[in-house]
Amino acid sequence: MKIFSGRSNPKLAEGICNYLRHPLGKIHLTNFPDGEIFCKIEENVRGHDIFLIQSTCQPVNESLMELLIMMECLRRASVKRISVVMPYYGYARQDRKDDGRVPITARLVADMLVTAGANRVLTMDLHAAQIEGFFNIPVDHLNAGMVLDHYFKSLNVPPEDLVVVSPDAGSIKRALKHQNRLGCALAIVDKRRSSAHDTKQANLTGASVDGKVAVLFDDMISTGGSICGAAQMVKDAGAAKVYVAATHGVLCGSAVEKLNAAPIEEVVLTDTIPLTPERTPNRVKVLSVARLLGEAIRRIHFNESVSCLFRDDLE
């Protein structure tokens, strides 16, 4: 087995290798003056089982193209198998035709990965689970929910004082899983979307949040408009503290400013996407998913079960 990393998230790749006690493969990546990407594998990989770590996060197109070029380089070096480890799957929100004459870009990305030589994909918290069906190769879809819930359990908030809040109707299934693990009540924000960028929170239903600690869970925070609007509604309903948690901190546009201005006690994210100084909220807690991804890599390499990683006792 050999593990290589692109330039999008080297710190996470290092954490994965530390967990596995396995060295990170030597690879040279650079850009020509015109912006083209150059890649060279600096060690023998013939006949090896390769795990290639790359989140296709900002800059999305650069990260994706770099991943494809690395795969092309490895394939021509006669590797045995390429397993693409994509902690964050860019273009995942473009998973269906919600209007006339628009692309299904998530499917296009899947086709590109397979054509470039991917034999398997390991990813985390896809925006839409049906993206797995875009591939004709095995896909292991991990969930960071247990990592997030383990942190909130460590805060020692009594279950009767805790409420899990779904920021919209589409996140109810995710919120129910968090509710079951944390053993608390559930509330739901009724969100109405007027455009791709604008949303409005209309109602709060379910358990009362008055005097409670409320935790809003989502798969990603992009512009921050929806989650901040939901946090404000929960705070206005009397919540004592409001936490926001998500797997992917995309944090584009004015997301950081919105999060800093919102009545949020803490923003809890994972390290699927690295945070830069200009994209880091004031009150943020970053949890690592290196152990979860590392264990999945180990099990894939040794042909062991990956589904057992969803058990609660593996927190």
C-alpha atoms as a PDB file:
ATOM      1  CA  MET A   1       0.000   0.000   0.000  1.00  0.00           C
ATOM      2  CA  LYS A   2       1.106   3.542  -0.786  1.00  0.00           C
ATOM      3  CA  ILE A   3      -0.667   6.781   0.142  1.00  0.00           C
ATOM      4  CA  PHE A   4      -0.292   9.988  -1.846  1.00  0.00           C
ATOM      5  CA  SER A   5      -1.822  13.420  -1.370  1.00  0.00           C
ATOM      6  CA  GLY A   6      -2.610  16.365  -3.578  1.00  0.00           C
ATOM      7  CA  ARG A   7      -2.172  19.946  -2.447  1.00  0.00           C
ATOM      8  CA  SER A   8      -5.760  20.659  -1.368  1.00  0.00           C
ATOM      9  CA  ASN A   9      -5.565  19.215   2.152  1.00  0.00           C
ATOM     10  CA  PRO A  10      -2.053  18.000   3.075  1.00  0.00           C
ATOM     11  CA  LYS A  11      -2.643  18.338   6.832  1.00  0.00           C
ATOM     12  CA  LEU A  12      -5.513  15.823   6.761  1.00  0.00           C
ATOM     13  CA  ALA A  13      -3.391  13.449   4.649  1.00  0.00           C
ATOM     14  CA  GLU A  14      -0.627  13.728   7.240  1.00  0.00           C
ATOM     15  CA  GLY A  15      -3.106  12.936  10.014  1.00  0.00           C
ATOM     16  CA  ILE A  16      -4.332   9.860   8.154  1.00  0.00           C
ATOM     17  CA  CYS A  17      -0.784   8.604   7.681  1.00  0.00           C
ATOM     18  CA  ASN A  18       0.018   9.243  11.349  1.00  0.00           C
ATOM     19  CA  TYR A  19      -2.973   7.126  12.346  1.00  0.00           C
ATOM     20  CA  LEU A  20      -1.912   4.332   9.988  1.00  0.00           C
ATOM     21  CA  ARG A  21       1.785   4.716  10.941  1.00  0.00           C
ATOM     22  CA  HIS A  22       2.485   4.704   7.237  1.00  0.00           C
ATOM     23  CA  PRO A  23       4.674   7.195   5.348  1.00  0.00           C
ATOM     24  CA  LEU A  24       3.145   9.603   2.876  1.00  0.00           C
ATOM     25  CA  GLY A  25       4.259   8.860  -0.676  1.00  0.00           C
ATOM     26  CA  LYS A  26       6.678  11.180  -2.422  1.00  0.00           C
ATOM     27  CA  ILE A  27       5.061  13.188  -5.192  1.00  0.00           C
ATOM     28  CA  HIS A  28       6.117  16.396  -6.917  1.00  0.00           C
ATOM     29  CA  LEU A  29       3.342  18.810  -7.877  1.00  0.00           C
ATOM     30  CA  THR A  30       3.886  22.240  -9.362  1.00  0.00           C
ATOM     31  CA  ASN A  31       2.363  24.708 -11.804  1.00  0.00           C
ATOM     32  CA  PHE A  32       3.897  25.895 -15.040  1.00  0.00           C
ATOM     33  CA  PRO A  33       3.917  29.673 -15.612  1.00  0.00           C
ATOM     34  CA  ASP A  34       0.726  29.387 -17.686  1.00  0.00           C
ATOM     35  CA  GLY A  35      -1.090  27.596 -14.849  1.00  0.00           C
ATOM     36  CA  GLU A  36      -0.875  24.031 -16.148  1.00  0.00           C
ATOM     37  CA  ILE A  37      -0.257  21.394 -13.468  1.00  0.00           C
ATOM     38  CA  PHE A  38       2.774  19.101 -13.545  1.00  0.00           C
ATOM     39  CA  CYS A  39       2.994  15.878 -11.546  1.00  0.00           C
ATOM     40  CA  LYS A  40       5.764  13.333 -10.999  1.00  0.00           C
ATOM     41  CA  ILE A  41       5.690  10.312  -8.696  1.00  0.00           C
ATOM     42  CA  GLU A  42       9.097  10.153  -7.023  1.00  0.00           C
ATOM     43  CA  GLU A  43       9.104   6.501  -5.953  1.00  0.00           C
ATOM     44  CA  ASN A  44       8.313   3.097  -7.421  1.00  0.00           C
ATOM     45  CA  VAL A  45       4.567   2.312  -7.436  1.00  0.00           C
ATOM     46  CA  ARG A  46       4.375  -0.581  -9.921  1.00  0.00           C
ATOM     47  CA  GLY A  47       1.868  -3.166  -8.704  1.00  0.00           C
ATOM     48  CA  HIS A  48       0.977  -1.207  -5.550  1.00  0.00           C
ATOM     49  CA  ASP A  49      -2.424  -0.532  -3.972  1.00  0.00           C
ATOM     50  CA  ILE A  50      -2.666   3.269  -4.139  1.00  0.00           C
ATOM     51  CA  PHE A  51      -4.775   5.571  -1.984  1.00  0.00           C
ATOM     52  CA  LEU A  52      -4.912   9.107  -3.364  1.00  0.00           C
ATOM     53  CA  ILE A  53      -6.166  11.783  -0.955  1.00  0.00           C
ATOM     54  CA  GLN A  54      -7.631  14.978  -2.395  1.00  0.00           C
ATOM     55  CA  SER A  55     -10.584  17.122  -1.315  1.00  0.00           C
ATOM     56  CA  THR A  56     -11.972  18.912  -4.356  1.00  0.00           C
ATOM     57  CA  CYS A  57     -12.455  22.145  -2.408  1.00  0.00           C
ATOM     58  CA  GLN A  58     -11.508  25.741  -3.199  1.00  0.00           C
ATOM     59  CA  PRO A  59     -10.120  26.307  -5.757  1.00  0.00           C
ATOM     60  CA  VAL A  60     -12.497  23.562  -6.903  1.00  0.00           C
ATOM     61  CA  ASN A  61     -11.498  23.275 -10.560  1.00  0.00           C
ATOM     62  CA  GLU A  62      -7.778  23.383  -9.739  1.00  0.00           C
ATOM     63  CA  SER A  63      -8.166  20.662  -7.083  1.00  0.00           C
ATOM     64  CA  LEU A  64     -10.229  18.453  -9.384  1.00  0.00           C
ATOM     65  CA  MET A  65      -7.852  18.798 -12.328  1.00  0.00           C
ATOM     66  CA  GLU A  66      -4.883  18.090 -10.068  1.00  0.00           C
ATOM     67  CA  LEU A  67      -6.588  14.906  -8.877  1.00  0.00           C
ATOM     68  CA  LEU A  68      -7.216  13.725 -12.437  1.00  0.00           C
ATOM     69  CA  ILE A  69      -3.617  14.426 -13.444  1.00  0.00           C
ATOM     70  CA  MET A  70      -2.271  12.508 -10.426  1.00  0.00           C
ATOM     71  CA  MET A  71      -4.464   9.540 -11.357  1.00  0.00           C
ATOM     72  CA  GLU A  72      -3.231   9.643 -14.950  1.00  0.00           C
ATOM     73  CA  CYS A  73       0.348   9.726 -13.686  1.00  0.00           C
ATOM     74  CA  LEU A  74      -0.208   6.757 -11.369  1.00  0.00           C
ATOM     75  CA  ARG A  75      -2.065   4.703 -13.961  1.00  0.00           C
ATOM     76  CA  ARG A  76       0.779   5.097 -16.446  1.00  0.00           C
ATOM     77  CA  ALA A  77       3.189   3.983 -13.711  1.00  0.00           C
ATOM     78  CA  SER A  78       1.426   0.573 -13.687  1.00  0.00           C
ATOM     79  CA  VAL A  79      -0.169   0.635 -10.240  1.00  0.00           C
ATOM     80  CA  LYS A  80      -2.438  -2.242  -9.224  1.00  0.00           C
ATOM     81  CA  ARG A  81      -5.405  -0.206  -7.965  1.00  0.00           C
ATOM     82  CA  ILE A  82      -6.285   3.455  -7.380  1.00  0.00           C
ATOM     83  CA  SER A  83      -8.653   4.284  -4.533  1.00  0.00           C
ATOM     84  CA  VAL A  84      -9.588   7.955  -4.579  1.00  0.00           C
ATOM     85  CA  VAL A  85     -10.111   9.397  -1.090  1.00  0.00           C
ATOM     86  CA  MET A  86     -12.277  12.516  -1.480  1.00  0.00           C
ATOM     87  CA  PRO A  87     -13.200  13.785   1.996  1.00  0.00           C
ATOM     88  CA  TYR A  88     -15.131  16.580   0.259  1.00  0.00           C
ATOM     89  CA  TYR A  89     -16.771  15.923  -3.119  1.00  0.00           C
ATOM     90  CA  GLY A  90     -16.922  19.163  -5.091  1.00  0.00           C
ATOM     91  CA  TYR A  91     -19.938  19.803  -7.358  1.00  0.00           C
ATOM     92  CA  ALA A  92     -22.050  17.496  -5.161  1.00  0.00           C
ATOM     93  CA  ARG A  93     -24.880  20.050  -5.012  1.00  0.00           C
ATOM     94  CA  GLN A  94     -25.353  19.825  -8.780  1.00  0.00           C
ATOM     95  CA  ASP A  95     -26.829  16.341  -8.512  1.00  0.00           C
ATOM     96  CA  ARG A  96     -30.092  16.711 -10.466  1.00  0.00           C
ATOM     97  CA  LYS A  97     -31.883  18.810 -13.096  1.00  0.00           C
ATOM     98  CA  ASP A  98     -33.893  21.287 -11.049  1.00  0.00           C
ATOM     99  CA  ASP A  99     -34.515  23.502 -14.069  1.00  0.00           C
ATOM    100  CA  GLY A 100     -34.434  23.291 -17.837  1.00  0.00           C
ATOM    101  CA  ARG A 101     -31.111  23.197 -19.687  1.00  0.00           C
ATOM    102  CA  VAL A 102     -28.874  22.717 -16.656  1.00  0.00           C
ATOM    103  CA  PRO A 103     -26.167  20.040 -16.194  1.00  0.00           C
ATOM    104  CA  ILE A 104     -25.874  17.240 -13.659  1.00  0.00           C
ATOM    105  CA  THR A 105     -22.267  18.086 -12.886  1.00  0.00           C
ATOM    106  CA  ALA A 106     -21.936  15.646  -9.984  1.00  0.00           C
ATOM    107  CA  ARG A 107     -22.435  12.848 -12.531  1.00  0.00           C
ATOM    108  CA  LEU A 108     -19.872  14.430 -14.865  1.00  0.00           C
ATOM    109  CA  VAL A 109     -17.295  14.445 -12.043  1.00  0.00           C
ATOM    110  CA  ALA A 110     -18.032  10.768 -11.359  1.00  0.00           C
ATOM    111  CA  ASP A 111     -17.511   9.919 -15.036  1.00  0.00           C
ATOM    112  CA  MET A 112     -14.233  11.855 -15.112  1.00  0.00           C
ATOM    113  CA  LEU A 113     -12.896  10.004 -12.068  1.00  0.00           C
ATOM    114  CA  VAL A 114     -13.730   6.599 -13.521  1.00  0.00           C
ATOM    115  CA  THR A 115     -12.304   7.501 -16.937  1.00  0.00           C
ATOM    116  CA  ALA A 116      -9.083   8.764 -15.340  1.00  0.00           C
ATOM    117  CA  GLY A 117      -8.585   5.381 -13.683  1.00  0.00           C
ATOM    118  CA  ALA A 118     -10.306   5.297 -10.284  1.00  0.00           C
ATOM    119  CA  ASN A 119     -11.088   1.748  -9.121  1.00  0.00           C
ATOM    120  CA  ARG A 120     -12.784   2.810  -5.898  1.00  0.00           C
ATOM    121  CA  VAL A 121     -13.935   6.023  -4.195  1.00  0.00           C
ATOM    122  CA  LEU A 122     -13.952   6.804  -0.478  1.00  0.00           C
ATOM    123  CA  THR A 123     -15.838   9.964   0.434  1.00  0.00           C
ATOM    124  CA  MET A 124     -17.659  11.574   3.346  1.00  0.00           C
ATOM    125  CA  ASP A 125     -21.108  13.119   3.805  1.00  0.00           C
ATOM    126  CA  LEU A 126     -22.162  13.605   0.211  1.00  0.00           C
ATOM    127  CA  HIS A 127     -24.706  16.386  -0.174  1.00  0.00           C
ATOM    128  CA  ALA A 128     -26.974  13.834  -1.849  1.00  0.00           C
ATOM    129  CA  ALA A 129     -26.482  10.129  -1.125  1.00  0.00           C
ATOM    130  CA  GLN A 130     -27.748   9.157  -4.585  1.00  0.00           C
ATOM    131  CA  ILE A 131     -24.447  10.409  -6.032  1.00  0.00           C
ATOM    132  CA  GLU A 132     -23.136   6.942  -5.138  1.00  0.00           C
ATOM    133  CA  GLY A 133     -25.309   5.659  -7.983  1.00  0.00           C
ATOM    134  CA  PHE A 134     -23.456   7.843 -10.496  1.00  0.00           C
ATOM    135  CA  PHE A 135     -20.481   5.487 -10.224  1.00  0.00           C
ATOM    136  CA  ASN A 136     -20.106   2.006 -11.705  1.00  0.00           C
ATOM    137  CA  ILE A 137     -17.260   1.299  -9.260  1.00  0.00           C
ATOM    138  CA  PRO A 138     -17.470   0.709  -5.477  1.00  0.00           C
ATOM    139  CA  VAL A 139     -18.110   3.806  -3.360  1.00  0.00           C
ATOM    140  CA  ASP A 140     -17.631   3.895   0.414  1.00  0.00           C
ATOM    141  CA  HIS A 141     -19.691   6.758   1.836  1.00  0.00           C
ATOM    142  CA  LEU A 142     -18.630   7.591   5.391  1.00  0.00           C
ATOM    143  CA  ASN A 143     -20.483   9.793   7.845  1.00  0.00           C
ATOM    144  CA  ALA A 144     -18.847  12.245  10.249  1.00  0.00           C
ATOM    145  CA  GLY A 145     -21.914  12.326  12.469  1.00  0.00           C
ATOM    146  CA  MET A 146     -20.368  10.218  15.218  1.00  0.00           C
ATOM    147  CA  VAL A 147     -17.285  12.466  15.347  1.00  0.00           C
ATOM    148  CA  LEU A 148     -19.497  15.521  15.817  1.00  0.00           C
ATOM    149  CA  ASP A 149     -21.785  13.833  18.351  1.00  0.00           C
ATOM    150  CA  HIS A 150     -18.833  12.611  20.375  1.00  0.00           C
ATOM    151  CA  TYR A 151     -17.738  16.233  20.805  1.00  0.00           C
ATOM    152  CA  PHE A 152     -21.178  17.375  21.952  1.00  0.00           C
ATOM    153  CA  LYS A 153     -21.365  14.492  24.411  1.00  0.00           C
ATOM    154  CA  SER A 154     -18.064  15.709  25.855  1.00  0.00           C
ATOM    155  CA  LEU A 155     -19.734  19.035  26.740  1.00  0.00           C
ATOM    156  CA  ASN A 156     -21.782  17.102  29.342  1.00  0.00           C
ATOM    157  CA  VAL A 157     -25.045  18.893  28.617  1.00  0.00           C
ATOM    158  CA  PRO A 158     -27.918  16.883  30.201  1.00  0.00           C
ATOM    159  CA  PRO A 159     -30.083  15.321  27.445  1.00  0.00           C
ATOM    160  CA  GLU A 160     -33.187  17.023  28.837  1.00  0.00           C
ATOM    161  CA  ASP A 161     -31.495  20.410  28.282  1.00  0.00           C
ATOM    162  CA  LEU A 162     -30.353  19.639  24.731  1.00  0.00           C
ATOM    163  CA  VAL A 163     -32.326  19.994  21.485  1.00  0.00           C
ATOM    164  CA  VAL A 164     -31.117  18.910  18.037  1.00  0.00           C
ATOM    165  CA  VAL A 165     -32.410  21.305  15.392  1.00  0.00           C
ATOM    166  CA  SER A 166     -32.758  20.505  11.703  1.00  0.00           C
ATOM    167  CA  PRO A 167     -32.083  23.742   9.747  1.00  0.00           C
ATOM    168  CA  ASP A 168     -34.535  22.684   7.003  1.00  0.00           C
ATOM    169  CA  ALA A 169     -36.880  19.855   6.040  1.00  0.00           C
ATOM    170  CA  GLY A 170     -34.235  18.221   3.831  1.00  0.00           C
ATOM    171  CA  SER A 171     -31.955  17.663   6.830  1.00  0.00           C
ATOM    172  CA  ILE A 172     -34.514  15.889   9.024  1.00  0.00           C
ATOM    173  CA  LYS A 173     -33.128  12.405   8.404  1.00  0.00           C
ATOM    174  CA  ARG A 174     -29.634  13.582   9.393  1.00  0.00           C
ATOM    175  CA  ALA A 175     -31.011  15.365  12.475  1.00  0.00           C
ATOM    176  CA  LEU A 176     -32.868  12.227  13.573  1.00  0.00           C
ATOM    177  CA  LYS A 177     -29.610  10.254  13.626  1.00  0.00           C
ATOM    178  CA  HIS A 178     -27.987  12.910  15.812  1.00  0.00           C
ATOM    179  CA  GLN A 179     -31.034  12.980  18.052  1.00  0.00           C
ATOM    180  CA  ASN A 180     -30.911   9.210  18.566  1.00  0.00           C
ATOM    181  CA  ARG A 181     -27.218   9.253  19.423  1.00  0.00           C
ATOM    182  CA  LEU A 182     -27.490  12.226  21.788  1.00  0.00           C
ATOM    183  CA  GLY A 183     -30.772  11.047  23.330  1.00  0.00           C
ATOM    184  CA  CYS A 184     -32.453  14.444  23.249  1.00  0.00           C
ATOM    185  CA  ALA A 185     -35.414  16.252  21.647  1.00  0.00           C
ATOM    186  CA  LEU A 186     -35.805  17.416  18.038  1.00  0.00           C
ATOM    187  CA  ALA A 187     -36.978  20.673  16.464  1.00  0.00           C
ATOM    188  CA  ILE A 188     -37.254  21.621  12.784  1.00  0.00           C
ATOM    189  CA  VAL A 189     -36.853  24.963  11.036  1.00  0.00           C
ATOM    190  CA  ASP A 190     -39.191  25.466   8.085  1.00  0.00           C
ATOM    191  CA  LYS A 191     -37.007  27.067   5.405  1.00  0.00           C
ATOM    192  CA  ARG A 192     -38.366  28.567   2.201  1.00  0.00           C
ATOM    193  CA  ARG A 193     -35.887  29.098  -0.642  1.00  0.00           C
ATOM    194  CA  SER A 194     -36.605  31.985  -2.997  1.00  0.00           C
ATOM    195  CA  SER A 195     -33.474  31.516  -5.136  1.00  0.00           C
ATOM    196  CA  ALA A 196     -30.154  29.641  -5.203  1.00  0.00           C
ATOM    197  CA  HIS A 197     -28.694  32.252  -2.843  1.00  0.00           C
ATOM    198  CA  ASP A 198     -31.645  33.500  -0.759  1.00  0.00           C
ATOM    199  CA  THR A 199     -33.641  31.641   1.886  1.00  0.00           C
ATOM    200  CA  LYS A 200     -36.156  32.641   4.522  1.00  0.00           C
ATOM    201  CA  GLN A 201     -36.886  30.862   7.789  1.00  0.00           C
ATOM    202  CA  ALA A 202     -40.663  30.743   8.326  1.00  0.00           C
ATOM    203  CA  ASN A 203     -41.505  28.546  11.333  1.00  0.00           C
ATOM    204  CA  LEU A 204     -39.972  26.482  14.124  1.00  0.00           C
ATOM    205  CA  THR A 205     -41.768  23.227  14.898  1.00  0.00           C
ATOM    206  CA  GLY A 206     -41.202  20.273  17.209  1.00  0.00           C
ATOM    207  CA  ALA A 207     -39.675  20.448  20.674  1.00  0.00           C
ATOM    208  CA  SER A 208     -39.420  23.743  22.514  1.00  0.00           C
ATOM    209  CA  VAL A 209     -35.967  25.317  22.563  1.00  0.00           C
ATOM    210  CA  ASP A 210     -36.808  27.837  25.296  1.00  0.00           C
ATOM    211  CA  GLY A 211     -33.961  27.810  27.835  1.00  0.00           C
ATOM    212  CA  LYS A 212     -32.275  24.875  26.068  1.00  0.00           C
ATOM    213  CA  VAL A 213     -28.936  24.286  24.371  1.00  0.00           C
ATOM    214  CA  ALA A 214     -29.726  23.973  20.657  1.00  0.00           C
ATOM    215  CA  VAL A 215     -27.433  22.292  18.116  1.00  0.00           C
ATOM    216  CA  LEU A 216     -28.036  22.792  14.407  1.00  0.00           C
ATOM    217  CA  PHE A 217     -26.537  20.072  12.196  1.00  0.00           C
ATOM    218  CA  ASP A 218     -25.932  20.320   8.442  1.00  0.00           C
ATOM    219  CA  ASP A 219     -23.707  18.561   5.917  1.00  0.00           C
ATOM    220  CA  MET A 220     -21.946  21.782   4.878  1.00  0.00           C
ATOM    221  CA  ILE A 221     -21.866  25.508   5.492  1.00  0.00           C
ATOM    222  CA  SER A 222     -21.404  27.357   2.224  1.00  0.00           C
ATOM    223  CA  THR A 223     -22.525  31.010   2.213  1.00  0.00           C
ATOM    224  CA  GLY A 224     -23.887  30.655   5.742  1.00  0.00           C
ATOM    225  CA  GLY A 225     -27.221  32.321   5.003  1.00  0.00           C
ATOM    226  CA  SER A 226     -29.452  29.348   5.824  1.00  0.00           C
ATOM    227  CA  ILE A 227     -27.679  28.203   8.967  1.00  0.00           C
ATOM    228  CA  CYS A 228     -27.321  31.725  10.371  1.00  0.00           C
ATOM    229  CA  GLY A 229     -30.978  32.472   9.688  1.00  0.00           C
ATOM    230  CA  ALA A 230     -31.953  29.256  11.452  1.00  0.00           C
ATOM    231  CA  ALA A 231     -29.659  30.069  14.384  1.00  0.00           C
ATOM    232  CA  GLN A 232     -31.276  33.497  14.742  1.00  0.00           C
ATOM    233  CA  MET A 233     -34.748  31.958  14.721  1.00  0.00           C
ATOM    234  CA  VAL A 234     -33.760  29.429  17.398  1.00  0.00           C
ATOM    235  CA  LYS A 235     -32.209  32.158  19.540  1.00  0.00           C
ATOM    236  CA  ASP A 236     -35.323  34.324  19.167  1.00  0.00           C
ATOM    237  CA  ALA A 237     -37.379  31.325  20.342  1.00  0.00           C
ATOM    238  CA  GLY A 238     -35.524  31.463  23.680  1.00  0.00           C
ATOM    239  CA  ALA A 239     -32.585  29.080  23.306  1.00  0.00           C
ATOM    240  CA  ALA A 240     -29.950  29.639  25.988  1.00  0.00           C
ATOM    241  CA  LYS A 241     -27.073  28.657  23.674  1.00  0.00           C
ATOM    242  CA  VAL A 242     -26.919  27.871  19.975  1.00  0.00           C
ATOM    243  CA  TYR A 243     -24.243  25.644  18.428  1.00  0.00           C
ATOM    244  CA  VAL A 244     -23.784  25.037  14.711  1.00  0.00           C
ATOM    245  CA  ALA A 245     -22.142  21.858  13.406  1.00  0.00           C
ATOM    246  CA  ALA A 246     -21.297  20.699   9.888  1.00  0.00           C
ATOM    247  CA  THR A 247     -18.962  18.240   8.215  1.00  0.00           C
ATOM    248  CA  HIS A 248     -17.720  20.522   5.445  1.00  0.00           C
ATOM    249  CA  GLY A 249     -16.758  24.137   6.085  1.00  0.00           C
ATOM    250  CA  VAL A 250     -16.925  25.526   2.555  1.00  0.00           C
ATOM    251  CA  LEU A 251     -17.359  29.064   3.956  1.00  0.00           C
ATOM    252  CA  CYS A 252     -17.472  31.045   0.725  1.00  0.00           C
ATOM    253  CA  GLY A 253     -18.589  34.605   0.072  1.00  0.00           C
ATOM    254  CA  SER A 254     -19.500  36.425   3.275  1.00  0.00           C
ATOM    255  CA  ALA A 255     -20.004  33.237   5.314  1.00  0.00           C
ATOM    256  CA  VAL A 256     -17.410  34.116   7.963  1.00  0.00           C
ATOM    257  CA  GLU A 257     -18.909  37.567   8.546  1.00  0.00           C
ATOM    258  CA  LYS A 258     -22.406  36.068   8.843  1.00  0.00           C
ATOM    259  CA  LEU A 259     -21.251  33.425  11.328  1.00  0.00           C
ATOM    260  CA  ASN A 260     -19.383  35.987  13.418  1.00  0.00           C
ATOM    261  CA  ALA A 261     -22.478  38.212  13.574  1.00  0.00           C
ATOM    262  CA  ALA A 262     -24.935  35.387  14.319  1.00  0.00           C
ATOM    263  CA  PRO A 263     -25.922  34.450  17.916  1.00  0.00           C
ATOM    264  CA  ILE A 264     -23.800  31.285  17.805  1.00  0.00           C
ATOM    265  CA  GLU A 265     -21.842  29.942  20.761  1.00  0.00           C
ATOM    266  CA  GLU A 266     -19.503  27.864  18.602  1.00  0.00           C
ATOM    267  CA  VAL A 267     -19.141  26.643  15.022  1.00  0.00           C
ATOM    268  CA  VAL A 268     -18.041  22.994  14.952  1.00  0.00           C
ATOM    269  CA  LEU A 269     -16.521  21.702  11.702  1.00  0.00           C
ATOM    270  CA  THR A 270     -14.376  18.789  10.581  1.00  0.00           C
ATOM    271  CA  ASP A 271     -11.096  19.044   8.670  1.00  0.00           C
ATOM    272  CA  THR A 272     -12.386  17.675   5.341  1.00  0.00           C
ATOM    273  CA  ILE A 273     -11.721  21.198   4.037  1.00  0.00           C
ATOM    274  CA  PRO A 274      -8.766  23.166   5.452  1.00  0.00           C
ATOM    275  CA  LEU A 275      -9.526  26.564   6.951  1.00  0.00           C
ATOM    276  CA  THR A 276      -7.435  29.545   5.922  1.00  0.00           C
ATOM    277  CA  PRO A 277      -7.061  32.627   8.164  1.00  0.00           C
ATOM    278  CA  GLU A 278      -9.519  34.592   6.055  1.00  0.00           C
ATOM    279  CA  ARG A 279     -12.031  31.725   6.166  1.00  0.00           C
ATOM    280  CA  THR A 280     -11.976  31.028   9.903  1.00  0.00           C
ATOM    281  CA  PRO A 281     -14.868  32.162  12.123  1.00  0.00           C
ATOM    282  CA  ASN A 282     -14.091  33.708  15.508  1.00  0.00           C
ATOM    283  CA  ARG A 283     -15.639  30.872  17.509  1.00  0.00           C
ATOM    284  CA  VAL A 284     -14.700  27.666  15.716  1.00  0.00           C
ATOM    285  CA  LYS A 285     -13.830  24.125  16.775  1.00  0.00           C
ATOM    286  CA  VAL A 286     -12.268  21.848  14.151  1.00  0.00           C
ATOM    287  CA  LEU A 287     -12.526  18.085  14.670  1.00  0.00           C
ATOM    288  CA  SER A 288     -10.373  15.674  12.710  1.00  0.00           C
ATOM    289  CA  VAL A 289     -11.783  12.818  10.635  1.00  0.00           C
ATOM    290  CA  ALA A 290      -8.283  11.423  10.008  1.00  0.00           C
ATOM    291  CA  ARG A 291      -8.873   8.415  12.247  1.00  0.00           C
ATOM    292  CA  LEU A 292     -12.157   7.535  10.532  1.00  0.00           C
ATOM    293  CA  LEU A 293     -10.703   7.840   7.038  1.00  0.00           C
ATOM    294  CA  GLY A 294      -7.509   6.086   8.057  1.00  0.00           C
ATOM    295  CA  GLU A 295      -9.393   3.125   9.468  1.00  0.00           C
ATOM    296  CA  ALA A 296     -11.483   2.914   6.288  1.00  0.00           C
ATOM    297  CA  ILE A 297      -8.307   2.910   4.174  1.00  0.00           C
ATOM    298  CA  ARG A 298      -6.811   0.138   6.302  1.00  0.00           C
ATOM    299  CA  ARG A 299      -9.961  -1.974   6.004  1.00  0.00           C
ATOM    300  CA  ILE A 300     -10.235  -1.465   2.249  1.00  0.00           C
ATOM    301  CA  HIS A 301      -6.601  -2.477   1.760  1.00  0.00           C
ATOM    302  CA  PHE A 302      -6.991  -5.648   3.828  1.00  0.00           C
ATOM    303  CA  ASN A 303     -10.444  -6.474   2.382  1.00  0.00           C
ATOM    304  CA  GLU A 304     -12.175  -6.064   5.737  1.00  0.00           C
ATOM    305  CA  SER A 305     -15.659  -4.733   6.433  1.00  0.00           C
ATOM    306  CA  VAL A 306     -16.087  -0.963   6.159  1.00  0.00           C
ATOM    307  CA  SER A 307     -19.740  -0.927   7.245  1.00  0.00           C
ATOM    308  CA  CYS A 308     -18.745  -1.578  10.842  1.00  0.00           C
ATOM    309  CA  LEU A 309     -17.309   1.965  10.942  1.00  0.00           C
ATOM    310  CA  PHE A 310     -20.882   3.201  11.326  1.00  0.00           C
ATOM    311  CA  ARG A 311     -21.246   1.588  14.774  1.00  0.00           C
ATOM    312  CA  ASP A 312     -21.535   4.023  17.679  1.00  0.00           C
ATOM    313  CA  ASP A 313     -18.903   2.196  19.716  1.00  0.00           C
ATOM    314  CA  LEU A 314     -16.210   3.273  17.262  1.00  0.00           C
ATOM    315  CA  GLU A 315     -16.360   6.888  18.442  1.00  0.00           C
END
